[in-house]
Protein backbone atom coordinates (compact mmCIF):
# COMPACT_ATOMS: atom_id res chain seq x y z
CA MET A 1 28.21 8.24 -85.53
CA LEU A 2 25.40 5.99 -84.11
CA ASN A 3 23.56 5.45 -87.48
CA GLU A 4 25.51 5.57 -90.44
CA ASN A 5 22.76 6.09 -92.71
CA LYS A 6 21.92 9.13 -91.01
CA THR A 7 23.79 12.78 -91.47
CA PRO A 8 23.60 14.67 -88.18
CA SER A 9 22.86 18.38 -88.59
CA ASP A 10 24.25 18.91 -84.79
CA ILE A 11 25.27 17.63 -81.80
CA ASP A 12 23.32 17.44 -78.53
CA ILE A 13 24.87 17.63 -75.43
CA LEU A 14 23.25 17.45 -71.91
CA ILE A 15 25.05 17.85 -68.59
CA ILE A 16 23.34 17.24 -65.60
CA TYR A 17 25.28 18.68 -62.37
CA LEU A 18 25.16 19.04 -58.47
CA GLU A 19 26.21 22.28 -58.02
CA TYR A 20 25.98 25.48 -60.21
CA THR A 21 29.35 27.41 -60.22
CA THR A 22 30.47 30.11 -62.77
CA ALA A 23 33.60 27.97 -63.55
CA MET A 24 31.74 25.08 -64.26
CA HIS A 25 29.40 26.76 -67.13
CA TYR A 26 32.50 28.19 -68.51
CA GLN A 27 34.32 24.70 -68.90
CA ALA A 28 31.27 23.44 -70.51
CA LYS A 29 30.99 26.16 -73.02
CA VAL A 30 34.91 26.00 -73.92
CA PHE A 31 34.19 22.09 -74.18
CA ALA A 32 30.84 22.93 -76.44
CA GLU A 33 33.03 25.15 -78.83
CA GLU A 34 35.89 22.66 -78.76
CA VAL A 35 33.61 19.73 -80.19
CA GLU A 36 31.89 22.11 -82.56
CA LYS A 37 35.29 23.13 -84.07
CA ASP A 38 36.15 19.42 -84.22
CA SER A 39 33.52 17.89 -85.53
CA GLY A 40 32.37 20.82 -87.90
CA LEU A 41 28.60 20.70 -86.49
CA ALA A 42 26.52 23.19 -84.33
CA VAL A 43 26.42 21.96 -80.87
CA ASP A 44 23.23 22.43 -78.79
CA LEU A 45 24.73 22.41 -74.94
CA THR A 46 21.83 21.99 -72.33
CA MET A 47 22.76 22.10 -68.43
CA LEU A 48 20.44 21.12 -65.75
CA SER A 49 20.69 20.45 -62.33
CA PHE A 50 19.52 16.95 -61.01
CA GLU A 51 16.58 18.68 -59.47
CA GLU A 52 15.79 20.48 -62.84
CA GLU A 53 15.85 17.18 -64.70
CA LYS A 54 13.84 15.62 -62.15
CA GLN A 55 11.23 17.92 -62.31
CA VAL A 56 10.78 18.28 -66.38
CA CYS A 57 11.72 14.62 -66.76
CA PHE A 58 14.12 15.49 -69.61
CA LEU A 59 15.65 12.24 -70.09
CA GLU A 60 12.17 10.35 -70.06
CA ARG A 61 11.00 12.56 -73.05
CA ILE A 62 13.75 12.22 -75.26
CA ASP A 63 15.24 9.33 -76.97
CA ALA A 64 18.58 9.72 -75.46
CA LEU A 65 22.02 7.88 -75.39
CA ARG A 66 23.53 7.86 -71.87
CA LEU A 67 27.32 8.33 -71.72
CA LYS A 68 28.80 8.22 -68.52
């Protein structure tokens, strides 16, 4: 948790990918389910291609913490 004074209601995860595959989508869903199970919080999973992210400027529109 980044701010100890706030209690999160969910966890937002953004995955930006080069090429979509069914296997990648499945793995991302499994990962989100595991995070949800381990944290006890709902997970909001968003998956965008690099091109989609550029088009909608998603990261510029939100106050995102970037993890690599």
